[in-house]
Amino acid sequence: SPEPAWLRDPELYHQASSRPGAHLPHVWLSENGRRVAAMDLCG
């Protein structure tokens, strides 16, 4: 896949991507109604 274009200044603003080579995007999931960060399932 092509590298996503930066929508804002890439030095000032974070832009999430799931493209291989990028950090896993942060999202909140739910476990029995309790918030869990997706990154906490990893590592």
ModelCIF file with pLDDT and N, C-alpha, C, O atoms, coordinates in Angstrom:
data_MODEL
#
_entry.id   MODEL 
#
_entity.id                         1 
_entity.type                       polymer 
_entity.pdbx_number_of_molecules   1 
#
_entity_poly.entity_id                      1 
_entity_poly.type                           'polypeptide(L)' 
_entity_poly.nstd_linkage                   no 
_entity_poly.nstd_monomer                   no 
_entity_poly.pdbx_seq_one_letter_code       SPEPAWLRDPELYHQASSRPGAHLPHVWLSENGRRVAAMDLCG 
_entity_poly.pdbx_seq_one_letter_code_can   SPEPAWLRDPELYHQASSRPGAHLPHVWLSENGRRVAAMDLCG 
_entity_poly.pdbx_strand_id                 A 
#
loop_
_entity_poly_seq.entity_id 
_entity_poly_seq.num 
_entity_poly_seq.mon_id 
_entity_poly_seq.hetero 
1 1  SER n 
1 2  PRO n 
1 3  GLU n 
1 4  PRO n 
1 5  ALA n 
1 6  TRP n 
1 7  LEU n 
1 8  ARG n 
1 9  ASP n 
1 10 PRO n 
1 11 GLU n 
1 12 LEU n 
1 13 TYR n 
1 14 HIS n 
1 15 GLN n 
1 16 ALA n 
1 17 SER n 
1 18 SER n 
1 19 ARG n 
1 20 PRO n 
1 21 GLY n 
1 22 ALA n 
1 23 HIS n 
1 24 LEU n 
1 25 PRO n 
1 26 HIS n 
1 27 VAL n 
1 28 TRP n 
1 29 LEU n 
1 30 SER n 
1 31 GLU n 
1 32 ASN n 
1 33 GLY n 
1 34 ARG n 
1 35 ARG n 
1 36 VAL n 
1 37 ALA n 
1 38 ALA n 
1 39 MET n 
1 40 ASP n 
1 41 LEU n 
1 42 CYS n 
1 43 GLY n 
#
_struct_asym.id          A 
_struct_asym.entity_id   1 
#
loop_
_ma_qa_metric.id 
_ma_qa_metric.mode 
_ma_qa_metric.name 
_ma_qa_metric.software_group_id 
_ma_qa_metric.type 
1 global pLDDT . pLDDT 
2 local  pLDDT . pLDDT 
#
_ma_qa_metric_global.metric_id      1 
_ma_qa_metric_global.metric_value   97.02 
_ma_qa_metric_global.model_id       1 
_ma_qa_metric_global.ordinal_id     1 
#
loop_
_ma_qa_metric_local.label_asym_id 
_ma_qa_metric_local.label_comp_id 
_ma_qa_metric_local.label_seq_id 
_ma_qa_metric_local.metric_id 
_ma_qa_metric_local.metric_value 
_ma_qa_metric_local.model_id 
_ma_qa_metric_local.ordinal_id 
A SER 1  2 95.00 1 1  
A PRO 2  2 95.00 1 2  
A GLU 3  2 94.00 1 3  
A PRO 4  2 95.00 1 4  
A ALA 5  2 96.00 1 5  
A TRP 6  2 97.00 1 6  
A LEU 7  2 97.00 1 7  
A ARG 8  2 96.00 1 8  
A ASP 9  2 96.00 1 9  
A PRO 10 2 96.00 1 10 
A GLU 11 2 95.00 1 11 
A LEU 12 2 95.00 1 12 
A TYR 13 2 97.00 1 13 
A HIS 14 2 98.00 1 14 
A GLN 15 2 98.00 1 15 
A ALA 16 2 98.00 1 16 
A SER 17 2 98.00 1 17 
A SER 18 2 98.00 1 18 
A ARG 19 2 98.00 1 19 
A PRO 20 2 98.00 1 20 
A GLY 21 2 98.00 1 21 
A ALA 22 2 98.00 1 22 
A HIS 23 2 98.00 1 23 
A LEU 24 2 98.00 1 24 
A PRO 25 2 98.00 1 25 
A HIS 26 2 98.00 1 26 
A VAL 27 2 98.00 1 27 
A TRP 28 2 98.00 1 28 
A LEU 29 2 98.00 1 29 
A SER 30 2 98.00 1 30 
A GLU 31 2 97.00 1 31 
A ASN 32 2 95.00 1 32 
A GLY 33 2 92.00 1 33 
A ARG 34 2 97.00 1 34 
A ARG 35 2 97.00 1 35 
A VAL 36 2 98.00 1 36 
A ALA 37 2 98.00 1 37 
A ALA 38 2 98.00 1 38 
A MET 39 2 98.00 1 39 
A ASP 40 2 98.00 1 40 
A LEU 41 2 98.00 1 41 
A CYS 42 2 98.00 1 42 
A GLY 43 2 98.00 1 43 
#
loop_
_atom_site.group_PDB 
_atom_site.id 
_atom_site.type_symbol 
_atom_site.label_atom_id 
_atom_site.label_alt_id 
_atom_site.label_comp_id 
_atom_site.label_asym_id 
_atom_site.label_entity_id 
_atom_site.label_seq_id 
_atom_site.pdbx_PDB_ins_code 
_atom_site.Cartn_x 
_atom_site.Cartn_y 
_atom_site.Cartn_z 
_atom_site.occupancy 
_atom_site.B_iso_or_equiv 
_atom_site.pdbx_formal_charge 
_atom_site.auth_seq_id 
_atom_site.auth_comp_id 
_atom_site.auth_asym_id 
_atom_site.auth_atom_id 
_atom_site.pdbx_PDB_model_num 
ATOM 1   N N  . SER A 1 1  ? 0.848   -1.198 0.000  1.00 95.00 ? 1  SER A N  1 
ATOM 2   C CA . SER A 1 1  ? 0.000   0.000  0.000  1.00 95.00 ? 1  SER A CA 1 
ATOM 3   C C  . SER A 1 1  ? 0.878   1.241  0.000  1.00 95.00 ? 1  SER A C  1 
ATOM 4   O O  . SER A 1 1  ? 2.001   1.207  0.503  1.00 95.00 ? 1  SER A O  1 
ATOM 5   N N  . PRO A 1 2  ? 0.375   2.341  -0.562 1.00 95.00 ? 2  PRO A N  1 
ATOM 6   C CA . PRO A 1 2  ? 1.170   3.570  -0.562 1.00 95.00 ? 2  PRO A CA 1 
ATOM 7   C C  . PRO A 1 2  ? 1.243   4.174  0.838  1.00 95.00 ? 2  PRO A C  1 
ATOM 8   O O  . PRO A 1 2  ? 0.332   4.012  1.651  1.00 95.00 ? 2  PRO A O  1 
ATOM 9   N N  . GLU A 1 3  ? 2.331   4.863  1.097  1.00 94.00 ? 3  GLU A N  1 
ATOM 10  C CA . GLU A 1 3  ? 2.462   5.591  2.363  1.00 94.00 ? 3  GLU A CA 1 
ATOM 11  C C  . GLU A 1 3  ? 1.381   6.668  2.403  1.00 94.00 ? 3  GLU A C  1 
ATOM 12  O O  . GLU A 1 3  ? 1.292   7.469  1.472  1.00 94.00 ? 3  GLU A O  1 
ATOM 13  N N  . PRO A 1 4  ? 0.553   6.713  3.456  1.00 95.00 ? 4  PRO A N  1 
ATOM 14  C CA . PRO A 1 4  ? -0.507  7.729  3.515  1.00 95.00 ? 4  PRO A CA 1 
ATOM 15  C C  . PRO A 1 4  ? 0.065   9.147  3.481  1.00 95.00 ? 4  PRO A C  1 
ATOM 16  O O  . PRO A 1 4  ? 1.101   9.419  4.088  1.00 95.00 ? 4  PRO A O  1 
ATOM 17  N N  . ALA A 1 5  ? -0.595  10.020 2.789  1.00 96.00 ? 5  ALA A N  1 
ATOM 18  C CA . ALA A 1 5  ? -0.162  11.420 2.735  1.00 96.00 ? 5  ALA A CA 1 
ATOM 19  C C  . ALA A 1 5  ? -0.395  12.071 4.089  1.00 96.00 ? 5  ALA A C  1 
ATOM 20  O O  . ALA A 1 5  ? -1.382  11.781 4.765  1.00 96.00 ? 5  ALA A O  1 
ATOM 21  N N  . TRP A 1 6  ? 0.514   12.949 4.481  1.00 97.00 ? 6  TRP A N  1 
ATOM 22  C CA . TRP A 1 6  ? 0.342   13.683 5.736  1.00 97.00 ? 6  TRP A CA 1 
ATOM 23  C C  . TRP A 1 6  ? -0.717  14.755 5.544  1.00 97.00 ? 6  TRP A C  1 
ATOM 24  O O  . TRP A 1 6  ? -0.627  15.568 4.624  1.00 97.00 ? 6  TRP A O  1 
ATOM 25  N N  . LEU A 1 7  ? -1.712  14.754 6.406  1.00 97.00 ? 7  LEU A N  1 
ATOM 26  C CA . LEU A 1 7  ? -2.805  15.716 6.288  1.00 97.00 ? 7  LEU A CA 1 
ATOM 27  C C  . LEU A 1 7  ? -2.474  17.040 6.959  1.00 97.00 ? 7  LEU A C  1 
ATOM 28  O O  . LEU A 1 7  ? -3.038  18.078 6.613  1.00 97.00 ? 7  LEU A O  1 
ATOM 29  N N  . ARG A 1 8  ? -1.550  16.998 7.928  1.00 96.00 ? 8  ARG A N  1 
ATOM 30  C CA . ARG A 1 8  ? -1.076  18.202 8.611  1.00 96.00 ? 8  ARG A CA 1 
ATOM 31  C C  . ARG A 1 8  ? 0.439   18.092 8.756  1.00 96.00 ? 8  ARG A C  1 
ATOM 32  O O  . ARG A 1 8  ? 1.027   17.075 8.388  1.00 96.00 ? 8  ARG A O  1 
ATOM 33  N N  . ASP A 1 9  ? 1.062   19.122 9.283  1.00 96.00 ? 9  ASP A N  1 
ATOM 34  C CA . ASP A 1 9  ? 2.510   19.136 9.479  1.00 96.00 ? 9  ASP A CA 1 
ATOM 35  C C  . ASP A 1 9  ? 2.928   17.900 10.275 1.00 96.00 ? 9  ASP A C  1 
ATOM 36  O O  . ASP A 1 9  ? 2.541   17.764 11.436 1.00 96.00 ? 9  ASP A O  1 
ATOM 37  N N  . PRO A 1 10 ? 3.716   16.987 9.672  1.00 96.00 ? 10 PRO A N  1 
ATOM 38  C CA . PRO A 1 10 ? 4.046   15.733 10.357 1.00 96.00 ? 10 PRO A CA 1 
ATOM 39  C C  . PRO A 1 10 ? 4.988   15.887 11.537 1.00 96.00 ? 10 PRO A C  1 
ATOM 40  O O  . PRO A 1 10 ? 5.187   14.937 12.295 1.00 96.00 ? 10 PRO A O  1 
ATOM 41  N N  . GLU A 1 11 ? 5.580   17.080 11.709 1.00 95.00 ? 11 GLU A N  1 
ATOM 42  C CA . GLU A 1 11 ? 6.414   17.308 12.884 1.00 95.00 ? 11 GLU A CA 1 
ATOM 43  C C  . GLU A 1 11 ? 5.587   17.827 14.051 1.00 95.00 ? 11 GLU A C  1 
ATOM 44  O O  . GLU A 1 11 ? 5.907   17.558 15.209 1.00 95.00 ? 11 GLU A O  1 
ATOM 45  N N  . LEU A 1 12 ? 4.528   18.567 13.754 1.00 95.00 ? 12 LEU A N  1 
ATOM 46  C CA . LEU A 1 12 ? 3.689   19.131 14.809 1.00 95.00 ? 12 LEU A CA 1 
ATOM 47  C C  . LEU A 1 12 ? 2.547   18.209 15.224 1.00 95.00 ? 12 LEU A C  1 
ATOM 48  O O  . LEU A 1 12 ? 2.131   18.220 16.383 1.00 95.00 ? 12 LEU A O  1 
ATOM 49  N N  . TYR A 1 13 ? 2.037   17.412 14.288 1.00 97.00 ? 13 TYR A N  1 
ATOM 50  C CA . TYR A 1 13 ? 0.806   16.659 14.546 1.00 97.00 ? 13 TYR A CA 1 
ATOM 51  C C  . TYR A 1 13 ? 1.010   15.160 14.333 1.00 97.00 ? 13 TYR A C  1 
ATOM 52  O O  . TYR A 1 13 ? 1.659   14.734 13.377 1.00 97.00 ? 13 TYR A O  1 
ATOM 53  N N  . HIS A 1 14 ? 0.448   14.383 15.235 1.00 98.00 ? 14 HIS A N  1 
ATOM 54  C CA . HIS A 1 14 ? 0.461   12.932 15.089 1.00 98.00 ? 14 HIS A CA 1 
ATOM 55  C C  . HIS A 1 14 ? -0.635  12.505 14.121 1.00 98.00 ? 14 HIS A C  1 
ATOM 56  O O  . HIS A 1 14 ? -1.733  13.061 14.115 1.00 98.00 ? 14 HIS A O  1 
ATOM 57  N N  . GLN A 1 15 ? -0.313  11.505 13.304 1.00 98.00 ? 15 GLN A N  1 
ATOM 58  C CA . GLN A 1 15 ? -1.298  10.935 12.391 1.00 98.00 ? 15 GLN A CA 1 
ATOM 59  C C  . GLN A 1 15 ? -1.182  9.421  12.457 1.00 98.00 ? 15 GLN A C  1 
ATOM 60  O O  . GLN A 1 15 ? -0.174  8.851  12.038 1.00 98.00 ? 15 GLN A O  1 
ATOM 61  N N  . ALA A 1 16 ? -2.209  8.775  12.979 1.00 98.00 ? 16 ALA A N  1 
ATOM 62  C CA . ALA A 1 16 ? -2.179  7.334  13.165 1.00 98.00 ? 16 ALA A CA 1 
ATOM 63  C C  . ALA A 1 16 ? -2.310  6.608  11.838 1.00 98.00 ? 16 ALA A C  1 
ATOM 64  O O  . ALA A 1 16 ? -2.899  7.125  10.889 1.00 98.00 ? 16 ALA A O  1 
ATOM 65  N N  . SER A 1 17 ? -1.755  5.403  11.782 1.00 98.00 ? 17 SER A N  1 
ATOM 66  C CA . SER A 1 17 ? -1.869  4.549  10.608 1.00 98.00 ? 17 SER A CA 1 
ATOM 67  C C  . SER A 1 17 ? -1.648  3.112  11.040 1.00 98.00 ? 17 SER A C  1 
ATOM 68  O O  . SER A 1 17 ? -0.885  2.846  11.969 1.00 98.00 ? 17 SER A O  1 
ATOM 69  N N  . SER A 1 18 ? -2.317  2.183  10.365 1.00 98.00 ? 18 SER A N  1 
ATOM 70  C CA . SER A 1 18 ? -2.066  0.764  10.642 1.00 98.00 ? 18 SER A CA 1 
ATOM 71  C C  . SER A 1 18 ? -1.156  0.164  9.574  1.00 98.00 ? 18 SER A C  1 
ATOM 72  O O  . SER A 1 18 ? -0.930  -1.046 9.569  1.00 98.00 ? 18 SER A O  1 
ATOM 73  N N  . ARG A 1 19 ? -0.634  0.989  8.675  1.00 98.00 ? 19 ARG A N  1 
ATOM 74  C CA . ARG A 1 19 ? 0.264   0.474  7.649  1.00 98.00 ? 19 ARG A CA 1 
ATOM 75  C C  . ARG A 1 19 ? 1.479   -0.143 8.320  1.00 98.00 ? 19 ARG A C  1 
ATOM 76  O O  . ARG A 1 19 ? 1.989   0.421  9.288  1.00 98.00 ? 19 ARG A O  1 
ATOM 77  N N  . PRO A 1 20 ? 1.964   -1.289 7.837  1.00 98.00 ? 20 PRO A N  1 
ATOM 78  C CA . PRO A 1 20 ? 3.152   -1.897 8.438  1.00 98.00 ? 20 PRO A CA 1 
ATOM 79  C C  . PRO A 1 20 ? 4.306   -0.907 8.548  1.00 98.00 ? 20 PRO A C  1 
ATOM 80  O O  . PRO A 1 20 ? 4.638   -0.202 7.596  1.00 98.00 ? 20 PRO A O  1 
ATOM 81  N N  . GLY A 1 21 ? 4.902   -0.874 9.725  1.00 98.00 ? 21 GLY A N  1 
ATOM 82  C CA . GLY A 1 21 ? 5.963   0.076  10.018 1.00 98.00 ? 21 GLY A CA 1 
ATOM 83  C C  . GLY A 1 21 ? 5.510   1.226  10.880 1.00 98.00 ? 21 GLY A C  1 
ATOM 84  O O  . GLY A 1 21 ? 6.337   2.004  11.355 1.00 98.00 ? 21 GLY A O  1 
ATOM 85  N N  . ALA A 1 22 ? 4.189   1.356  11.099 1.00 98.00 ? 22 ALA A N  1 
ATOM 86  C CA . ALA A 1 22 ? 3.642   2.409  11.960 1.00 98.00 ? 22 ALA A CA 1 
ATOM 87  C C  . ALA A 1 22 ? 3.290   1.838  13.331 1.00 98.00 ? 22 ALA A C  1 
ATOM 88  O O  . ALA A 1 22 ? 3.044   0.641  13.483 1.00 98.00 ? 22 ALA A O  1 
ATOM 89  N N  . HIS A 1 23 ? 3.272   2.705  14.298 1.00 98.00 ? 23 HIS A N  1 
ATOM 90  C CA . HIS A 1 23 ? 2.846   2.313  15.640 1.00 98.00 ? 23 HIS A CA 1 
ATOM 91  C C  . HIS A 1 23 ? 1.362   1.949  15.616 1.00 98.00 ? 23 HIS A C  1 
ATOM 92  O O  . HIS A 1 23 ? 0.574   2.598  14.928 1.00 98.00 ? 23 HIS A O  1 
ATOM 93  N N  . LEU A 1 24 ? 0.984   0.920  16.359 1.00 98.00 ? 24 LEU A N  1 
ATOM 94  C CA . LEU A 1 24 ? -0.422  0.536  16.430 1.00 98.00 ? 24 LEU A CA 1 
ATOM 95  C C  . LEU A 1 24 ? -1.271  1.734  16.839 1.00 98.00 ? 24 LEU A C  1 
ATOM 96  O O  . LEU A 1 24 ? -0.985  2.351  17.865 1.00 98.00 ? 24 LEU A O  1 
ATOM 97  N N  . PRO A 1 25 ? -2.304  2.085  16.076 1.00 98.00 ? 25 PRO A N  1 
ATOM 98  C CA . PRO A 1 25 ? -3.152  3.218  16.467 1.00 98.00 ? 25 PRO A CA 1 
ATOM 99  C C  . PRO A 1 25 ? -3.790  2.995  17.833 1.00 98.00 ? 25 PRO A C  1 
ATOM 100 O O  . PRO A 1 25 ? -4.162  1.877  18.189 1.00 98.00 ? 25 PRO A O  1 
ATOM 101 N N  . HIS A 1 26 ? -3.908  4.077  18.584 1.00 98.00 ? 26 HIS A N  1 
ATOM 102 C CA . HIS A 1 26 ? -4.563  3.995  19.895 1.00 98.00 ? 26 HIS A CA 1 
ATOM 103 C C  . HIS A 1 26 ? -6.073  4.071  19.739 1.00 98.00 ? 26 HIS A C  1 
ATOM 104 O O  . HIS A 1 26 ? -6.591  5.014  19.140 1.00 98.00 ? 26 HIS A O  1 
ATOM 105 N N  . VAL A 1 27 ? -6.774  3.093  20.270 1.00 98.00 ? 27 VAL A N  1 
ATOM 106 C CA . VAL A 1 27 ? -8.238  3.147  20.369 1.00 98.00 ? 27 VAL A CA 1 
ATOM 107 C C  . VAL A 1 27 ? -8.632  2.530  21.705 1.00 98.00 ? 27 VAL A C  1 
ATOM 108 O O  . VAL A 1 27 ? -7.897  1.726  22.277 1.00 98.00 ? 27 VAL A O  1 
ATOM 109 N N  . TRP A 1 28 ? -9.788  2.916  22.182 1.00 98.00 ? 28 TRP A N  1 
ATOM 110 C CA . TRP A 1 28 ? -10.329 2.327  23.408 1.00 98.00 ? 28 TRP A CA 1 
ATOM 111 C C  . TRP A 1 28 ? -11.294 1.205  23.045 1.00 98.00 ? 28 TRP A C  1 
ATOM 112 O O  . TRP A 1 28 ? -12.194 1.378  22.223 1.00 98.00 ? 28 TRP A O  1 
ATOM 113 N N  . LEU A 1 29 ? -11.087 0.055  23.673 1.00 98.00 ? 29 LEU A N  1 
ATOM 114 C CA . LEU A 1 29 ? -11.984 -1.082 23.540 1.00 98.00 ? 29 LEU A CA 1 
ATOM 115 C C  . LEU A 1 29 ? -12.744 -1.238 24.849 1.00 98.00 ? 29 LEU A C  1 
ATOM 116 O O  . LEU A 1 29 ? -12.594 -0.428 25.763 1.00 98.00 ? 29 LEU A O  1 
ATOM 117 N N  . SER A 1 30 ? -13.554 -2.274 24.933 1.00 98.00 ? 30 SER A N  1 
ATOM 118 C CA . SER A 1 30 ? -14.340 -2.517 26.148 1.00 98.00 ? 30 SER A CA 1 
ATOM 119 C C  . SER A 1 30 ? -14.215 -3.983 26.548 1.00 98.00 ? 30 SER A C  1 
ATOM 120 O O  . SER A 1 30 ? -14.359 -4.876 25.713 1.00 98.00 ? 30 SER A O  1 
ATOM 121 N N  . GLU A 1 31 ? -13.952 -4.220 27.810 1.00 97.00 ? 31 GLU A N  1 
ATOM 122 C CA . GLU A 1 31 ? -13.944 -5.568 28.379 1.00 97.00 ? 31 GLU A CA 1 
ATOM 123 C C  . GLU A 1 31 ? -14.912 -5.581 29.556 1.00 97.00 ? 31 GLU A C  1 
ATOM 124 O O  . GLU A 1 31 ? -14.633 -5.007 30.609 1.00 97.00 ? 31 GLU A O  1 
ATOM 125 N N  . ASN A 1 32 ? -16.049 -6.237 29.367 1.00 95.00 ? 32 ASN A N  1 
ATOM 126 C CA . ASN A 1 32 ? -17.101 -6.231 30.398 1.00 95.00 ? 32 ASN A CA 1 
ATOM 127 C C  . ASN A 1 32 ? -17.492 -4.805 30.784 1.00 95.00 ? 32 ASN A C  1 
ATOM 128 O O  . ASN A 1 32 ? -17.758 -4.510 31.949 1.00 95.00 ? 32 ASN A O  1 
ATOM 129 N N  . GLY A 1 33 ? -17.518 -3.930 29.779 1.00 92.00 ? 33 GLY A N  1 
ATOM 130 C CA . GLY A 1 33 ? -17.920 -2.549 30.017 1.00 92.00 ? 33 GLY A CA 1 
ATOM 131 C C  . GLY A 1 33 ? -16.796 -1.647 30.474 1.00 92.00 ? 33 GLY A C  1 
ATOM 132 O O  . GLY A 1 33 ? -16.972 -0.431 30.549 1.00 92.00 ? 33 GLY A O  1 
ATOM 133 N N  . ARG A 1 34 ? -15.642 -2.218 30.780 1.00 97.00 ? 34 ARG A N  1 
ATOM 134 C CA . ARG A 1 34 ? -14.501 -1.432 31.266 1.00 97.00 ? 34 ARG A CA 1 
ATOM 135 C C  . ARG A 1 34 ? -13.596 -1.067 30.101 1.00 97.00 ? 34 ARG A C  1 
ATOM 136 O O  . ARG A 1 34 ? -13.290 -1.910 29.258 1.00 97.00 ? 34 ARG A O  1 
ATOM 137 N N  . ARG A 1 35 ? -13.167 0.195  30.054 1.00 97.00 ? 35 ARG A N  1 
ATOM 138 C CA . ARG A 1 35 ? -12.314 0.648  28.948 1.00 97.00 ? 35 ARG A CA 1 
ATOM 139 C C  . ARG A 1 35 ? -10.942 -0.023 29.005 1.00 97.00 ? 35 ARG A C  1 
ATOM 140 O O  . ARG A 1 35 ? -10.330 -0.125 30.068 1.00 97.00 ? 35 ARG A O  1 
ATOM 141 N N  . VAL A 1 36 ? -10.477 -0.473 27.857 1.00 98.00 ? 36 VAL A N  1 
ATOM 142 C CA . VAL A 1 36 ? -9.160  -1.081 27.727 1.00 98.00 ? 36 VAL A CA 1 
ATOM 143 C C  . VAL A 1 36 ? -8.511  -0.525 26.472 1.00 98.00 ? 36 VAL A C  1 
ATOM 144 O O  . VAL A 1 36 ? -9.137  -0.504 25.412 1.00 98.00 ? 36 VAL A O  1 
ATOM 145 N N  . ALA A 1 37 ? -7.280  -0.080 26.573 1.00 98.00 ? 37 ALA A N  1 
ATOM 146 C CA . ALA A 1 37 ? -6.562  0.421  25.398 1.00 98.00 ? 37 ALA A CA 1 
ATOM 147 C C  . ALA A 1 37 ? -6.116  -0.743 24.535 1.00 98.00 ? 37 ALA A C  1 
ATOM 148 O O  . ALA A 1 37 ? -5.661  -1.764 25.051 1.00 98.00 ? 37 ALA A O  1 
ATOM 149 N N  . ALA A 1 38 ? -6.245  -0.596 23.222 1.00 98.00 ? 38 ALA A N  1 
ATOM 150 C CA . ALA A 1 38 ? -5.829  -1.670 22.315 1.00 98.00 ? 38 ALA A CA 1 
ATOM 151 C C  . ALA A 1 38 ? -4.367  -2.029 22.514 1.00 98.00 ? 38 ALA A C  1 
ATOM 152 O O  . ALA A 1 38 ? -3.998  -3.199 22.416 1.00 98.00 ? 38 ALA A O  1 
ATOM 153 N N  . MET A 1 39 ? -3.523  -1.028 22.795 1.00 98.00 ? 39 MET A N  1 
ATOM 154 C CA . MET A 1 39 ? -2.105  -1.336 22.965 1.00 98.00 ? 39 MET A CA 1 
ATOM 155 C C  . MET A 1 39 ? -1.851  -2.227 24.174 1.00 98.00 ? 39 MET A C  1 
ATOM 156 O O  . MET A 1 39 ? -0.832  -2.915 24.230 1.00 98.00 ? 39 MET A O  1 
ATOM 157 N N  . ASP A 1 40 ? -2.775  -2.223 25.154 1.00 98.00 ? 40 ASP A N  1 
ATOM 158 C CA . ASP A 1 40 ? -2.583  -3.056 26.338 1.00 98.00 ? 40 ASP A CA 1 
ATOM 159 C C  . ASP A 1 40 ? -2.791  -4.536 26.042 1.00 98.00 ? 40 ASP A C  1 
ATOM 160 O O  . ASP A 1 40 ? -2.451  -5.386 26.866 1.00 98.00 ? 40 ASP A O  1 
ATOM 161 N N  . LEU A 1 41 ? -3.343  -4.849 24.881 1.00 98.00 ? 41 LEU A N  1 
ATOM 162 C CA . LEU A 1 41 ? -3.478  -6.238 24.463 1.00 98.00 ? 41 LEU A CA 1 
ATOM 163 C C  . LEU A 1 41 ? -2.177  -6.746 23.847 1.00 98.00 ? 41 LEU A C  1 
ATOM 164 O O  . LEU A 1 41 ? -2.022  -7.940 23.588 1.00 98.00 ? 41 LEU A O  1 
ATOM 165 N N  . CYS A 1 42 ? -1.254  -5.828 23.619 1.00 98.00 ? 42 CYS A N  1 
ATOM 166 C CA . CYS A 1 42 ? -0.019  -6.157 22.896 1.00 98.00 ? 42 CYS A CA 1 
ATOM 167 C C  . CYS A 1 42 ? 1.184   -5.974 23.815 1.00 98.00 ? 42 CYS A C  1 
ATOM 168 O O  . CYS A 1 42 ? 1.039   -5.697 25.006 1.00 98.00 ? 42 CYS A O  1 
ATOM 169 N N  . GLY A 1 43 ? 2.357   -6.133 23.248 1.00 98.00 ? 43 GLY A N  1 
ATOM 170 C CA . GLY A 1 43 ? 3.585   -5.929 24.011 1.00 98.00 ? 43 GLY A CA 1 
ATOM 171 C C  . GLY A 1 43 ? 3.941   -7.116 24.873 1.00 98.00 ? 43 GLY A C  1 
ATOM 172 O O  . GLY A 1 43 ? 4.953   -7.088 25.574 1.00 98.00 ? 43 GLY A O  1 
#
